[in-house]
Amino acid sequence: MATTTPPDPRAALRSGLPDSYLTPEDLITMFKLKSKETLYTWRKTGTGPPGFLVGKHLRWDPAVVRAWVENNTDTAA
């Protein structure tokens, strides 16, 4: 029996827009964070990937998160 893999939250880009934007829960899972408070602190201090508000909901563009990871990854490690 073939196992199905859940869709990658870093959805492929189509026409320059992501299939879906990332939620705080997506980033908590991706970065193995302990709480949303870490994301809110990152946003407040400009430490983490830049997000944006959709109404009162915080979202991240997968391409921006990917670029942030690439720019903040120590390749010498």
PDB file of N, CA and C in Angstrom:
ATOM      1  N   MET A   1       0.839  -1.163   0.000  1.00  0.00           N
ATOM      2  CA  MET A   1       0.000   0.000   0.000  1.00  0.00           C
ATOM      3  C   MET A   1       0.891   1.235   0.000  1.00  0.00           C
ATOM      4  N   ALA A   2       0.612   2.155  -0.908  1.00  0.00           N
ATOM      5  CA  ALA A   2       1.404   3.376  -1.020  1.00  0.00           C
ATOM      6  C   ALA A   2       0.966   4.372   0.047  1.00  0.00           C
ATOM      7  N   THR A   3       1.943   4.981   0.672  1.00  0.00           N
ATOM      8  CA  THR A   3       1.624   6.019   1.650  1.00  0.00           C
ATOM      9  C   THR A   3       1.577   7.364   0.952  1.00  0.00           C
ATOM     10  N   THR A   4       0.647   8.163   1.358  1.00  0.00           N
ATOM     11  CA  THR A   4       0.551   9.504   0.786  1.00  0.00           C
ATOM     12  C   THR A   4       1.197  10.480   1.743  1.00  0.00           C
ATOM     13  N   THR A   5       1.956  11.369   1.181  1.00  0.00           N
ATOM     14  CA  THR A   5       2.630  12.385   1.959  1.00  0.00           C
ATOM     15  C   THR A   5       1.747  13.624   1.994  1.00  0.00           C
ATOM     16  N   PRO A   6       1.579  14.224   3.183  1.00  0.00           N
ATOM     17  CA  PRO A   6       0.782  15.449   3.218  1.00  0.00           C
ATOM     18  C   PRO A   6       1.454  16.534   2.384  1.00  0.00           C
ATOM     19  N   PRO A   7       0.672  17.454   1.838  1.00  0.00           N
ATOM     20  CA  PRO A   7       1.261  18.505   1.007  1.00  0.00           C
ATOM     21  C   PRO A   7       2.296  19.321   1.779  1.00  0.00           C
ATOM     22  N   ASP A   8       3.354  19.645   1.090  1.00  0.00           N
ATOM     23  CA  ASP A   8       4.415  20.453   1.674  1.00  0.00           C
ATOM     24  C   ASP A   8       3.881  21.860   1.909  1.00  0.00           C
ATOM     25  N   PRO A   9       3.991  22.402   3.141  1.00  0.00           N
ATOM     26  CA  PRO A   9       3.480  23.755   3.381  1.00  0.00           C
ATOM     27  C   PRO A   9       4.219  24.814   2.572  1.00  0.00           C
ATOM     28  N   ARG A  10       5.394  24.461   2.088  1.00  0.00           N
ATOM     29  CA  ARG A  10       6.135  25.392   1.236  1.00  0.00           C
ATOM     30  C   ARG A  10       5.737  25.120  -0.204  1.00  0.00           C
ATOM     31  N   ALA A  11       4.475  25.366  -0.495  1.00  0.00           N
ATOM     32  CA  ALA A  11       3.879  25.021  -1.794  1.00  0.00           C
ATOM     33  C   ALA A  11       4.655  25.639  -2.951  1.00  0.00           C
ATOM     34  N   ALA A  12       4.617  24.929  -4.073  1.00  0.00           N
ATOM     35  CA  ALA A  12       5.279  25.424  -5.285  1.00  0.00           C
ATOM     36  C   ALA A  12       4.629  26.725  -5.744  1.00  0.00           C
ATOM     37  N   LEU A  13       5.443  27.592  -6.286  1.00  0.00           N
ATOM     38  CA  LEU A  13       4.917  28.862  -6.772  1.00  0.00           C
ATOM     39  C   LEU A  13       4.303  28.692  -8.143  1.00  0.00           C
ATOM     40  N   ARG A  14       3.200  29.379  -8.359  1.00  0.00           N
ATOM     41  CA  ARG A  14       2.526  29.359  -9.645  1.00  0.00           C
ATOM     42  C   ARG A  14       2.155  30.799  -9.972  1.00  0.00           C
ATOM     43  N   SER A  15       2.599  31.304 -11.087  1.00  0.00           N
ATOM     44  CA  SER A  15       2.334  32.684 -11.522  1.00  0.00           C
ATOM     45  C   SER A  15       2.830  33.704 -10.501  1.00  0.00           C
ATOM     46  N   GLY A  16       3.911  33.389  -9.802  1.00  0.00           N
ATOM     47  CA  GLY A  16       4.490  34.333  -8.856  1.00  0.00           C
ATOM     48  C   GLY A  16       3.805  34.371  -7.504  1.00  0.00           C
ATOM     49  N   LEU A  17       2.677  33.695  -7.342  1.00  0.00           N
ATOM     50  CA  LEU A  17       1.990  33.653  -6.056  1.00  0.00           C
ATOM     51  C   LEU A  17       2.002  32.226  -5.527  1.00  0.00           C
ATOM     52  N   PRO A  18       2.184  32.069  -4.235  1.00  0.00           N
ATOM     53  CA  PRO A  18       2.192  30.717  -3.678  1.00  0.00           C
ATOM     54  C   PRO A  18       0.796  30.106  -3.731  1.00  0.00           C
ATOM     55  N   ASP A  19       0.753  28.770  -3.738  1.00  0.00           N
ATOM     56  CA  ASP A  19      -0.534  28.082  -3.685  1.00  0.00           C
ATOM     57  C   ASP A  19      -1.234  28.382  -2.368  1.00  0.00           C
ATOM     58  N   SER A  20      -0.449  28.549  -1.313  1.00  0.00           N
ATOM     59  CA  SER A  20      -1.008  28.935  -0.019  1.00  0.00           C
ATOM     60  C   SER A  20       0.076  29.635   0.790  1.00  0.00           C
ATOM     61  N   TYR A  21      -0.364  30.525   1.644  1.00  0.00           N
ATOM     62  CA  TYR A  21       0.562  31.208   2.536  1.00  0.00           C
ATOM     63  C   TYR A  21       0.714  30.387   3.803  1.00  0.00           C
ATOM     64  N   LEU A  22       1.835  30.544   4.462  1.00  0.00           N
ATOM     65  CA  LEU A  22       2.120  29.779   5.667  1.00  0.00           C
ATOM     66  C   LEU A  22       1.487  30.440   6.880  1.00  0.00           C
ATOM     67  N   THR A  23       0.996  29.615   7.785  1.00  0.00           N
ATOM     68  CA  THR A  23       0.390  30.080   9.032  1.00  0.00           C
ATOM     69  C   THR A  23       1.429  29.995  10.144  1.00  0.00           C
ATOM     70  N   PRO A  24       1.127  30.588  11.299  1.00  0.00           N
ATOM     71  CA  PRO A  24       2.057  30.424  12.432  1.00  0.00           C
ATOM     72  C   PRO A  24       2.298  28.952  12.761  1.00  0.00           C
ATOM     73  N   GLU A  25       1.261  28.143  12.673  1.00  0.00           N
ATOM     74  CA  GLU A  25       1.409  26.716  12.967  1.00  0.00           C
ATOM     75  C   GLU A  25       2.369  26.043  11.987  1.00  0.00           C
ATOM     76  N   ASP A  26       2.335  26.472  10.722  1.00  0.00           N
ATOM     77  CA  ASP A  26       3.266  25.925   9.732  1.00  0.00           C
ATOM     78  C   ASP A  26       4.707  26.233  10.116  1.00  0.00           C
ATOM     79  N   LEU A  27       4.968  27.478  10.509  1.00  0.00           N
ATOM     80  CA  LEU A  27       6.337  27.852  10.874  1.00  0.00           C
ATOM     81  C   LEU A  27       6.771  27.175  12.165  1.00  0.00           C
ATOM     82  N   ILE A  28       5.857  27.030  13.113  1.00  0.00           N
ATOM     83  CA  ILE A  28       6.183  26.329  14.359  1.00  0.00           C
ATOM     84  C   ILE A  28       6.619  24.903  14.039  1.00  0.00           C
ATOM     85  N   THR A  29       5.914  24.244  13.136  1.00  0.00           N
ATOM     86  CA  THR A  29       6.262  22.880  12.733  1.00  0.00           C
ATOM     87  C   THR A  29       7.579  22.855  11.963  1.00  0.00           C
ATOM     88  N   MET A  30       7.735  23.749  10.992  1.00  0.00           N
ATOM     89  CA  MET A  30       8.939  23.762  10.158  1.00  0.00           C
ATOM     90  C   MET A  30      10.205  23.987  10.971  1.00  0.00           C
ATOM     91  N   PHE A  31      10.130  24.936  11.916  1.00  0.00           N
ATOM     92  CA  PHE A  31      11.318  25.307  12.688  1.00  0.00           C
ATOM     93  C   PHE A  31      11.367  24.644  14.062  1.00  0.00           C
ATOM     94  N   LYS A  32      10.387  23.772  14.342  1.00  0.00           N
ATOM     95  CA  LYS A  32      10.330  23.051  15.624  1.00  0.00           C
ATOM     96  C   LYS A  32      10.387  24.021  16.802  1.00  0.00           C
ATOM     97  N   LEU A  33       9.551  25.045  16.728  1.00  0.00           N
ATOM     98  CA  LEU A  33       9.483  26.040  17.796  1.00  0.00           C
ATOM     99  C   LEU A  33       8.563  25.544  18.900  1.00  0.00           C
ATOM    100  N   LYS A  34       8.731  26.113  20.087  1.00  0.00           N
ATOM    101  CA  LYS A  34       7.916  25.691  21.230  1.00  0.00           C
ATOM    102  C   LYS A  34       6.591  26.427  21.310  1.00  0.00           C
ATOM    103  N   SER A  35       6.528  27.657  20.769  1.00  0.00           N
ATOM    104  CA  SER A  35       5.280  28.414  20.889  1.00  0.00           C
ATOM    105  C   SER A  35       5.180  29.500  19.825  1.00  0.00           C
ATOM    106  N   LYS A  36       3.973  30.030  19.692  1.00  0.00           N
ATOM    107  CA  LYS A  36       3.734  31.157  18.788  1.00  0.00           C
ATOM    108  C   LYS A  36       4.467  32.404  19.280  1.00  0.00           C
ATOM    109  N   GLU A  37       4.692  32.478  20.571  1.00  0.00           N
ATOM    110  CA  GLU A  37       5.349  33.659  21.126  1.00  0.00           C
ATOM    111  C   GLU A  37       6.717  33.894  20.491  1.00  0.00           C
ATOM    112  N   THR A  38       7.409  32.819  20.141  1.00  0.00           N
ATOM    113  CA  THR A  38       8.703  32.958  19.470  1.00  0.00           C
ATOM    114  C   THR A  38       8.520  33.681  18.142  1.00  0.00           C
ATOM    115  N   LEU A  39       7.493  33.302  17.379  1.00  0.00           N
ATOM    116  CA  LEU A  39       7.225  33.964  16.096  1.00  0.00           C
ATOM    117  C   LEU A  39       6.894  35.437  16.296  1.00  0.00           C
ATOM    118  N   TYR A  40       6.084  35.721  17.312  1.00  0.00           N
ATOM    119  CA  TYR A  40       5.703  37.108  17.567  1.00  0.00           C
ATOM    120  C   TYR A  40       6.914  37.929  17.993  1.00  0.00           C
ATOM    121  N   THR A  41       7.813  37.309  18.752  1.00  0.00           N
ATOM    122  CA  THR A  41       9.051  37.997  19.141  1.00  0.00           C
ATOM    123  C   THR A  41       9.924  38.239  17.919  1.00  0.00           C
ATOM    124  N   TRP A  42      10.050  37.235  17.061  1.00  0.00           N
ATOM    125  CA  TRP A  42      10.827  37.403  15.825  1.00  0.00           C
ATOM    126  C   TRP A  42      10.272  38.545  14.999  1.00  0.00           C
ATOM    127  N   ARG A  43       8.951  38.593  14.885  1.00  0.00           N
ATOM    128  CA  ARG A  43       8.318  39.640  14.085  1.00  0.00           C
ATOM    129  C   ARG A  43       8.569  41.018  14.699  1.00  0.00           C
ATOM    130  N   LYS A  44       8.441  41.100  16.002  1.00  0.00           N
ATOM    131  CA  LYS A  44       8.615  42.376  16.705  1.00  0.00           C
ATOM    132  C   LYS A  44      10.052  42.891  16.600  1.00  0.00           C
ATOM    133  N   THR A  45      11.011  41.983  16.659  1.00  0.00           N
ATOM    134  CA  THR A  45      12.419  42.379  16.645  1.00  0.00           C
ATOM    135  C   THR A  45      13.039  42.347  15.246  1.00  0.00           C
ATOM    136  N   GLY A  46      12.285  41.847  14.259  1.00  0.00           N
ATOM    137  CA  GLY A  46      12.820  41.759  12.905  1.00  0.00           C
ATOM    138  C   GLY A  46      13.836  40.646  12.745  1.00  0.00           C
ATOM    139  N   THR A  47      13.792  39.666  13.626  1.00  0.00           N
ATOM    140  CA  THR A  47      14.754  38.572  13.619  1.00  0.00           C
ATOM    141  C   THR A  47      14.424  37.489  12.607  1.00  0.00           C
ATOM    142  N   GLY A  48      13.171  37.110  12.518  1.00  0.00           N
ATOM    143  CA  GLY A  48      12.754  35.990  11.679  1.00  0.00           C
ATOM    144  C   GLY A  48      12.315  36.420  10.300  1.00  0.00           C
ATOM    145  N   PRO A  49      11.751  35.478   9.555  1.00  0.00           N
ATOM    146  CA  PRO A  49      11.275  35.808   8.215  1.00  0.00           C
ATOM    147  C   PRO A  49      10.126  36.805   8.294  1.00  0.00           C
ATOM    148  N   PRO A  50      10.122  37.800   7.411  1.00  0.00           N
ATOM    149  CA  PRO A  50       9.064  38.799   7.469  1.00  0.00           C
ATOM    150  C   PRO A  50       7.712  38.210   7.066  1.00  0.00           C
ATOM    151  N   GLY A  51       6.727  38.491   7.889  1.00  0.00           N
ATOM    152  CA  GLY A  51       5.369  38.053   7.619  1.00  0.00           C
ATOM    153  C   GLY A  51       4.498  39.267   7.327  1.00  0.00           C
ATOM    154  N   PHE A  52       3.237  39.023   7.100  1.00  0.00           N
ATOM    155  CA  PHE A  52       2.305  40.117   6.836  1.00  0.00           C
ATOM    156  C   PHE A  52       0.946  39.737   7.400  1.00  0.00           C
ATOM    157  N   LEU A  53       0.120  40.742   7.593  1.00  0.00           N
ATOM    158  CA  LEU A  53      -1.208  40.520   8.135  1.00  0.00           C
ATOM    159  C   LEU A  53      -2.237  40.429   7.015  1.00  0.00           C
ATOM    160  N   VAL A  54      -3.131  39.473   7.146  1.00  0.00           N
ATOM    161  CA  VAL A  54      -4.307  39.374   6.306  1.00  0.00           C
ATOM    162  C   VAL A  54      -5.455  39.574   7.293  1.00  0.00           C
ATOM    163  N   GLY A  55      -5.960  40.798   7.344  1.00  0.00           N
ATOM    164  CA  GLY A  55      -6.891  41.137   8.412  1.00  0.00           C
ATOM    165  C   GLY A  55      -6.125  41.095   9.716  1.00  0.00           C
ATOM    166  N   LYS A  56      -6.535  40.227  10.617  1.00  0.00           N
ATOM    167  CA  LYS A  56      -5.810  40.092  11.884  1.00  0.00           C
ATOM    168  C   LYS A  56      -4.974  38.814  11.938  1.00  0.00           C
ATOM    169  N   HIS A  57      -4.860  38.122  10.801  1.00  0.00           N
ATOM    170  CA  HIS A  57      -4.143  36.853  10.746  1.00  0.00           C
ATOM    171  C   HIS A  57      -2.754  37.034  10.151  1.00  0.00           C
ATOM    172  N   LEU A  58      -1.751  36.512  10.834  1.00  0.00           N
ATOM    173  CA  LEU A  58      -0.366  36.601  10.402  1.00  0.00           C
ATOM    174  C   LEU A  58      -0.064  35.468   9.426  1.00  0.00           C
ATOM    175  N   ARG A  59       0.543  35.819   8.287  1.00  0.00           N
ATOM    176  CA  ARG A  59       0.893  34.837   7.260  1.00  0.00           C
ATOM    177  C   ARG A  59       2.290  35.116   6.721  1.00  0.00           C
ATOM    178  N   TRP A  60       2.884  34.087   6.102  1.00  0.00           N
ATOM    179  CA  TRP A  60       4.202  34.196   5.494  1.00  0.00           C
ATOM    180  C   TRP A  60       4.146  33.654   4.081  1.00  0.00           C
ATOM    181  N   ASP A  61       4.867  34.304   3.189  1.00  0.00           N
ATOM    182  CA  ASP A  61       5.014  33.838   1.812  1.00  0.00           C
ATOM    183  C   ASP A  61       6.085  32.746   1.829  1.00  0.00           C
ATOM    184  N   PRO A  62       5.788  31.554   1.306  1.00  0.00           N
ATOM    185  CA  PRO A  62       6.777  30.473   1.317  1.00  0.00           C
ATOM    186  C   PRO A  62       8.096  30.856   0.648  1.00  0.00           C
ATOM    187  N   ALA A  63       8.048  31.632  -0.416  1.00  0.00           N
ATOM    188  CA  ALA A  63       9.282  32.038  -1.110  1.00  0.00           C
ATOM    189  C   ALA A  63      10.123  32.943  -0.221  1.00  0.00           C
ATOM    190  N   VAL A  64       9.486  33.805   0.540  1.00  0.00           N
ATOM    191  CA  VAL A  64      10.208  34.708   1.442  1.00  0.00           C
ATOM    192  C   VAL A  64      10.837  33.908   2.585  1.00  0.00           C
ATOM    193  N   VAL A  65      10.094  32.938   3.113  1.00  0.00           N
ATOM    194  CA  VAL A  65      10.634  32.097   4.184  1.00  0.00           C
ATOM    195  C   VAL A  65      11.816  31.294   3.663  1.00  0.00           C
ATOM    196  N   ARG A  66      11.677  30.733   2.454  1.00  0.00           N
ATOM    197  CA  ARG A  66      12.774  29.961   1.856  1.00  0.00           C
ATOM    198  C   ARG A  66      14.013  30.841   1.691  1.00  0.00           C
ATOM    199  N   ALA A  67      13.839  32.060   1.186  1.00  0.00           N
ATOM    200  CA  ALA A  67      14.968  32.982   1.003  1.00  0.00           C
ATOM    201  C   ALA A  67      15.591  33.340   2.350  1.00  0.00           C
ATOM    202  N   TRP A  68      14.753  33.549   3.354  1.00  0.00           N
ATOM    203  CA  TRP A  68      15.260  33.880   4.692  1.00  0.00           C
ATOM    204  C   TRP A  68      16.110  32.728   5.231  1.00  0.00           C
ATOM    205  N   VAL A  69      15.633  31.500   5.059  1.00  0.00           N
ATOM    206  CA  VAL A  69      16.385  30.328   5.520  1.00  0.00           C
ATOM    207  C   VAL A  69      17.725  30.259   4.791  1.00  0.00           C
ATOM    208  N   GLU A  70      17.710  30.429   3.472  1.00  0.00           N
ATOM    209  CA  GLU A  70      18.948  30.351   2.699  1.00  0.00           C
ATOM    210  C   GLU A  70      19.927  31.446   3.106  1.00  0.00           C
ATOM    211  N   ASN A  71      19.433  32.640   3.386  1.00  0.00           N
ATOM    212  CA  ASN A  71      20.301  33.743   3.782  1.00  0.00           C
ATOM    213  C   ASN A  71      20.810  33.620   5.213  1.00  0.00           C
ATOM    214  N   ASN A  72      20.146  32.795   6.026  1.00  0.00           N
ATOM    215  CA  ASN A  72      20.525  32.670   7.433  1.00  0.00           C
ATOM    216  C   ASN A  72      21.061  31.297   7.779  1.00  0.00           C
ATOM    217  N   THR A  73      21.406  30.521   6.764  1.00  0.00           N
ATOM    218  CA  THR A  73      21.968  29.196   6.983  1.00  0.00           C
ATOM    219  C   THR A  73      23.468  29.290   6.904  1.00  0.00           C
ATOM    220  N   ASP A  74      24.118  28.786   7.936  1.00  0.00           N
ATOM    221  CA  ASP A  74      25.575  28.787   7.971  1.00  0.00           C
ATOM    222  C   ASP A  74      26.068  27.576   7.193  1.00  0.00           C
ATOM    223  N   THR A  75      26.601  27.803   5.994  1.00  0.00           N
ATOM    224  CA  THR A  75      27.051  26.706   5.154  1.00  0.00           C
ATOM    225  C   THR A  75      28.378  26.114   5.642  1.00  0.00           C
ATOM    226  N   ALA A  76      29.063  26.797   6.537  1.00  0.00           N
ATOM    227  CA  ALA A  76      30.337  26.290   7.054  1.00  0.00           C
ATOM    228  C   ALA A  76      30.140  25.246   8.144  1.00  0.00           C
ATOM    229  N   ALA A  77      28.934  25.110   8.640  1.00  0.00           N
ATOM    230  CA  ALA A  77      28.679  24.189   9.765  1.00  0.00           C
ATOM    231  C   ALA A  77      28.768  22.749   9.364  1.00  0.00           C
TER     232      ALA A  77
END
